[in-house]
Amino acid sequence: MSLALQTFSTVKDANAALQAAGTRYLGGGTLVVRAANEGDVSTSSLVRVTDPG
């Protein structure tokens, strides 16, 4: 299983990327990395924002 990490500078761009199936937001307090490490194959891509403000 491969897991892609996409980084965006704006929330608007990240939100557009989150419309794709299998994409999850990576932020503080999320359990998405834990799930991936445990073998959850429903996530294929992680999205993060460098400046959420």
PDB file of N, CA and C in Angstrom:
ATOM      1  N   MET A   1       0.842  -1.180   0.000  1.00  0.00           N
ATOM      2  CA  MET A   1       0.000   0.000   0.000  1.00  0.00           C
ATOM      3  C   MET A   1       0.884   1.239   0.000  1.00  0.00           C
ATOM      4  N   SER A   2       0.621   2.142  -0.921  1.00  0.00           N
ATOM      5  CA  SER A   2       1.343   3.412  -0.909  1.00  0.00           C
ATOM      6  C   SER A   2       0.425   4.495  -0.360  1.00  0.00           C
ATOM      7  N   LEU A   3       1.029   5.457   0.282  1.00  0.00           N
ATOM      8  CA  LEU A   3       0.284   6.541   0.901  1.00  0.00           C
ATOM      9  C   LEU A   3       0.936   7.848   0.469  1.00  0.00           C
ATOM     10  N   ALA A   4       0.188   8.684  -0.240  1.00  0.00           N
ATOM     11  CA  ALA A   4       0.717   9.955  -0.736  1.00  0.00           C
ATOM     12  C   ALA A   4       0.430  11.066   0.263  1.00  0.00           C
ATOM     13  N   LEU A   5       1.333  12.022   0.347  1.00  0.00           N
ATOM     14  CA  LEU A   5       1.144  13.199   1.189  1.00  0.00           C
ATOM     15  C   LEU A   5       1.127  14.424   0.287  1.00  0.00           C
ATOM     16  N   GLN A   6       0.029  15.178   0.359  1.00  0.00           N
ATOM     17  CA  GLN A   6      -0.108  16.401  -0.434  1.00  0.00           C
ATOM     18  C   GLN A   6      -0.130  17.584   0.520  1.00  0.00           C
ATOM     19  N   THR A   7       0.665  18.602   0.231  1.00  0.00           N
ATOM     20  CA  THR A   7       0.737  19.789   1.072  1.00  0.00           C
ATOM     21  C   THR A   7       0.235  20.989   0.283  1.00  0.00           C
ATOM     22  N   PHE A   8      -0.651  21.768   0.898  1.00  0.00           N
ATOM     23  CA  PHE A   8      -1.228  22.942   0.250  1.00  0.00           C
ATOM     24  C   PHE A   8      -1.021  24.160   1.133  1.00  0.00           C
ATOM     25  N   SER A   9      -0.954  25.326   0.515  1.00  0.00           N
ATOM     26  CA  SER A   9      -0.739  26.555   1.271  1.00  0.00           C
ATOM     27  C   SER A   9      -2.043  27.208   1.713  1.00  0.00           C
ATOM     28  N   THR A  10      -3.166  26.793   1.133  1.00  0.00           N
ATOM     29  CA  THR A  10      -4.448  27.379   1.527  1.00  0.00           C
ATOM     30  C   THR A  10      -5.469  26.289   1.841  1.00  0.00           C
ATOM     31  N   VAL A  11      -6.397  26.631   2.696  1.00  0.00           N
ATOM     32  CA  VAL A  11      -7.476  25.709   3.043  1.00  0.00           C
ATOM     33  C   VAL A  11      -8.340  25.430   1.821  1.00  0.00           C
ATOM     34  N   LYS A  12      -8.541  26.431   0.989  1.00  0.00           N
ATOM     35  CA  LYS A  12      -9.359  26.266  -0.217  1.00  0.00           C
ATOM     36  C   LYS A  12      -8.783  25.183  -1.128  1.00  0.00           C
ATOM     37  N   ASP A  13      -7.476  25.219  -1.351  1.00  0.00           N
ATOM     38  CA  ASP A  13      -6.836  24.213  -2.201  1.00  0.00           C
ATOM     39  C   ASP A  13      -6.895  22.828  -1.558  1.00  0.00           C
ATOM     40  N   ALA A  14      -6.678  22.773  -0.256  1.00  0.00           N
ATOM     41  CA  ALA A  14      -6.738  21.488   0.450  1.00  0.00           C
ATOM     42  C   ALA A  14      -8.143  20.911   0.389  1.00  0.00           C
ATOM     43  N   ASN A  15      -9.142  21.750   0.539  1.00  0.00           N
ATOM     44  CA  ASN A  15     -10.524  21.292   0.478  1.00  0.00           C
ATOM     45  C   ASN A  15     -10.842  20.695  -0.889  1.00  0.00           C
ATOM     46  N   ALA A  16     -10.335  21.305  -1.935  1.00  0.00           N
ATOM     47  CA  ALA A  16     -10.555  20.767  -3.282  1.00  0.00           C
ATOM     48  C   ALA A  16      -9.931  19.379  -3.405  1.00  0.00           C
ATOM     49  N   ALA A  17      -8.752  19.193  -2.837  1.00  0.00           N
ATOM     50  CA  ALA A  17      -8.078  17.892  -2.898  1.00  0.00           C
ATOM     51  C   ALA A  17      -8.820  16.841  -2.083  1.00  0.00           C
ATOM     52  N   LEU A  18      -9.488  17.254  -1.023  1.00  0.00           N
ATOM     53  CA  LEU A  18     -10.208  16.317  -0.157  1.00  0.00           C
ATOM     54  C   LEU A  18     -11.457  15.738  -0.809  1.00  0.00           C
ATOM     55  N   GLN A  19     -11.837  16.243  -1.961  1.00  0.00           N
ATOM     56  CA  GLN A  19     -13.011  15.712  -2.655  1.00  0.00           C
ATOM     57  C   GLN A  19     -12.734  14.355  -3.291  1.00  0.00           C
ATOM     58  N   ALA A  20     -11.470  14.010  -3.461  1.00  0.00           N
ATOM     59  CA  ALA A  20     -11.101  12.724  -4.072  1.00  0.00           C
ATOM     60  C   ALA A  20     -11.332  11.584  -3.085  1.00  0.00           C
ATOM     61  N   ALA A  21     -11.787  10.466  -3.599  1.00  0.00           N
ATOM     62  CA  ALA A  21     -12.015   9.288  -2.754  1.00  0.00           C
ATOM     63  C   ALA A  21     -10.703   8.816  -2.144  1.00  0.00           C
ATOM     64  N   GLY A  22     -10.758   8.392  -0.898  1.00  0.00           N
ATOM     65  CA  GLY A  22      -9.588   7.853  -0.222  1.00  0.00           C
ATOM     66  C   GLY A  22      -8.647   8.895   0.338  1.00  0.00           C
ATOM     67  N   THR A  23      -9.057  10.160   0.295  1.00  0.00           N
ATOM     68  CA  THR A  23      -8.214  11.248   0.781  1.00  0.00           C
ATOM     69  C   THR A  23      -8.701  11.702   2.149  1.00  0.00           C
ATOM     70  N   ARG A  24      -7.759  11.892   3.075  1.00  0.00           N
ATOM     71  CA  ARG A  24      -8.088  12.307   4.441  1.00  0.00           C
ATOM     72  C   ARG A  24      -7.218  13.486   4.832  1.00  0.00           C
ATOM     73  N   TYR A  25      -7.752  14.333   5.725  1.00  0.00           N
ATOM     74  CA  TYR A  25      -7.014  15.488   6.225  1.00  0.00           C
ATOM     75  C   TYR A  25      -6.077  15.051   7.343  1.00  0.00           C
ATOM     76  N   LEU A  26      -4.846  15.512   7.291  1.00  0.00           N
ATOM     77  CA  LEU A  26      -3.854  15.212   8.317  1.00  0.00           C
ATOM     78  C   LEU A  26      -3.660  16.464   9.152  1.00  0.00           C
ATOM     79  N   GLY A  27      -4.071  16.397  10.404  1.00  0.00           N
ATOM     80  CA  GLY A  27      -3.940  17.537  11.296  1.00  0.00           C
ATOM     81  C   GLY A  27      -3.747  17.072  12.719  1.00  0.00           C
ATOM     82  N   GLY A  28      -3.543  17.999  13.606  1.00  0.00           N
ATOM     83  CA  GLY A  28      -3.336  17.658  15.007  1.00  0.00           C
ATOM     84  C   GLY A  28      -4.513  16.890  15.580  1.00  0.00           C
ATOM     85  N   GLY A  29      -4.210  15.793  16.237  1.00  0.00           N
ATOM     86  CA  GLY A  29      -5.246  15.005  16.890  1.00  0.00           C
ATOM     87  C   GLY A  29      -5.939  13.983  16.013  1.00  0.00           C
ATOM     88  N   THR A  30      -5.596  13.909  14.730  1.00  0.00           N
ATOM     89  CA  THR A  30      -6.246  12.925  13.869  1.00  0.00           C
ATOM     90  C   THR A  30      -5.644  11.549  14.082  1.00  0.00           C
ATOM     91  N   LEU A  31      -6.434  10.547  13.853  1.00  0.00           N
ATOM     92  CA  LEU A  31      -5.992   9.166  14.020  1.00  0.00           C
ATOM     93  C   LEU A  31      -5.708   8.497  12.685  1.00  0.00           C
ATOM     94  N   VAL A  32      -5.634   9.293  11.631  1.00  0.00           N
ATOM     95  CA  VAL A  32      -5.483   8.726  10.291  1.00  0.00           C
ATOM     96  C   VAL A  32      -4.150   7.997  10.112  1.00  0.00           C
ATOM     97  N   VAL A  33      -3.071   8.487  10.700  1.00  0.00           N
ATOM     98  CA  VAL A  33      -1.771   7.816  10.565  1.00  0.00           C
ATOM     99  C   VAL A  33      -1.787   6.503  11.324  1.00  0.00           C
ATOM    100  N   ARG A  34      -2.383   6.507  12.489  1.00  0.00           N
ATOM    101  CA  ARG A  34      -2.501   5.268  13.259  1.00  0.00           C
ATOM    102  C   ARG A  34      -3.274   4.218  12.471  1.00  0.00           C
ATOM    103  N   ALA A  35      -4.366   4.629  11.867  1.00  0.00           N
ATOM    104  CA  ALA A  35      -5.174   3.695  11.074  1.00  0.00           C
ATOM    105  C   ALA A  35      -4.368   3.145   9.901  1.00  0.00           C
ATOM    106  N   ALA A  36      -3.598   4.000   9.245  1.00  0.00           N
ATOM    107  CA  ALA A  36      -2.772   3.544   8.121  1.00  0.00           C
ATOM    108  C   ALA A  36      -1.717   2.552   8.596  1.00  0.00           C
ATOM    109  N   ASN A  37      -1.112   2.834   9.735  1.00  0.00           N
ATOM    110  CA  ASN A  37      -0.103   1.924  10.281  1.00  0.00           C
ATOM    111  C   ASN A  37      -0.699   0.576  10.662  1.00  0.00           C
ATOM    112  N   GLU A  38      -1.974   0.569  11.002  1.00  0.00           N
ATOM    113  CA  GLU A  38      -2.647  -0.672  11.382  1.00  0.00           C
ATOM    114  C   GLU A  38      -3.200  -1.418  10.171  1.00  0.00           C
ATOM    115  N   GLY A  39      -2.975  -0.880   8.973  1.00  0.00           N
ATOM    116  CA  GLY A  39      -3.366  -1.592   7.765  1.00  0.00           C
ATOM    117  C   GLY A  39      -4.662  -1.150   7.117  1.00  0.00           C
ATOM    118  N   ASP A  40      -5.222  -0.021   7.533  1.00  0.00           N
ATOM    119  CA  ASP A  40      -6.442   0.497   6.905  1.00  0.00           C
ATOM    120  C   ASP A  40      -6.107   0.964   5.488  1.00  0.00           C
ATOM    121  N   VAL A  41      -6.596   0.258   4.492  1.00  0.00           N
ATOM    122  CA  VAL A  41      -6.279   0.586   3.099  1.00  0.00           C
ATOM    123  C   VAL A  41      -7.313   1.512   2.455  1.00  0.00           C
ATOM    124  N   SER A  42      -8.267   2.014   3.231  1.00  0.00           N
ATOM    125  CA  SER A  42      -9.271   2.915   2.668  1.00  0.00           C
ATOM    126  C   SER A  42      -8.695   4.305   2.397  1.00  0.00           C
ATOM    127  N   THR A  43      -7.564   4.633   2.996  1.00  0.00           N
ATOM    128  CA  THR A  43      -6.920   5.923   2.784  1.00  0.00           C
ATOM    129  C   THR A  43      -5.743   5.754   1.841  1.00  0.00           C
ATOM    130  N   SER A  44      -5.735   6.528   0.767  1.00  0.00           N
ATOM    131  CA  SER A  44      -4.630   6.450  -0.191  1.00  0.00           C
ATOM    132  C   SER A  44      -3.820   7.740  -0.242  1.00  0.00           C
ATOM    133  N   SER A  45      -4.373   8.824   0.318  1.00  0.00           N
ATOM    134  CA  SER A  45      -3.693  10.108   0.251  1.00  0.00           C
ATOM    135  C   SER A  45      -4.014  10.938   1.486  1.00  0.00           C
ATOM    136  N   LEU A  46      -2.997  11.629   2.008  1.00  0.00           N
ATOM    137  CA  LEU A  46      -3.172  12.528   3.140  1.00  0.00           C
ATOM    138  C   LEU A  46      -2.982  13.958   2.659  1.00  0.00           C
ATOM    139  N   VAL A  47      -3.788  14.867   3.191  1.00  0.00           N
ATOM    140  CA  VAL A  47      -3.725  16.274   2.818  1.00  0.00           C
ATOM    141  C   VAL A  47      -3.407  17.084   4.062  1.00  0.00           C
ATOM    142  N   ARG A  48      -2.460  18.016   3.927  1.00  0.00           N
ATOM    143  CA  ARG A  48      -2.147  18.919   5.029  1.00  0.00           C
ATOM    144  C   ARG A  48      -2.081  20.344   4.507  1.00  0.00           C
ATOM    145  N   VAL A  49      -2.233  21.309   5.419  1.00  0.00           N
ATOM    146  CA  VAL A  49      -2.199  22.728   5.062  1.00  0.00           C
ATOM    147  C   VAL A  49      -1.074  23.386   5.846  1.00  0.00           C
ATOM    148  N   THR A  50      -0.246  24.177   5.178  1.00  0.00           N
ATOM    149  CA  THR A  50       0.861  24.838   5.866  1.00  0.00           C
ATOM    150  C   THR A  50       0.426  26.114   6.571  1.00  0.00           C
ATOM    151  N   ASP A  51      -0.628  26.769   6.090  1.00  0.00           N
ATOM    152  CA  ASP A  51      -1.104  27.999   6.717  1.00  0.00           C
ATOM    153  C   ASP A  51      -2.626  27.983   6.782  1.00  0.00           C
ATOM    154  N   PRO A  52      -3.191  27.310   7.795  1.00  0.00           N
ATOM    155  CA  PRO A  52      -4.647  27.185   7.860  1.00  0.00           C
ATOM    156  C   PRO A  52      -5.370  28.466   8.236  1.00  0.00           C
ATOM    157  N   GLY A  53      -4.658  29.500   8.590  1.00  0.00           N
ATOM    158  CA  GLY A  53      -5.298  30.736   9.005  1.00  0.00           C
ATOM    159  C   GLY A  53      -5.645  31.554   7.858  1.00  0.00           C
TER     160      GLY A  53
END
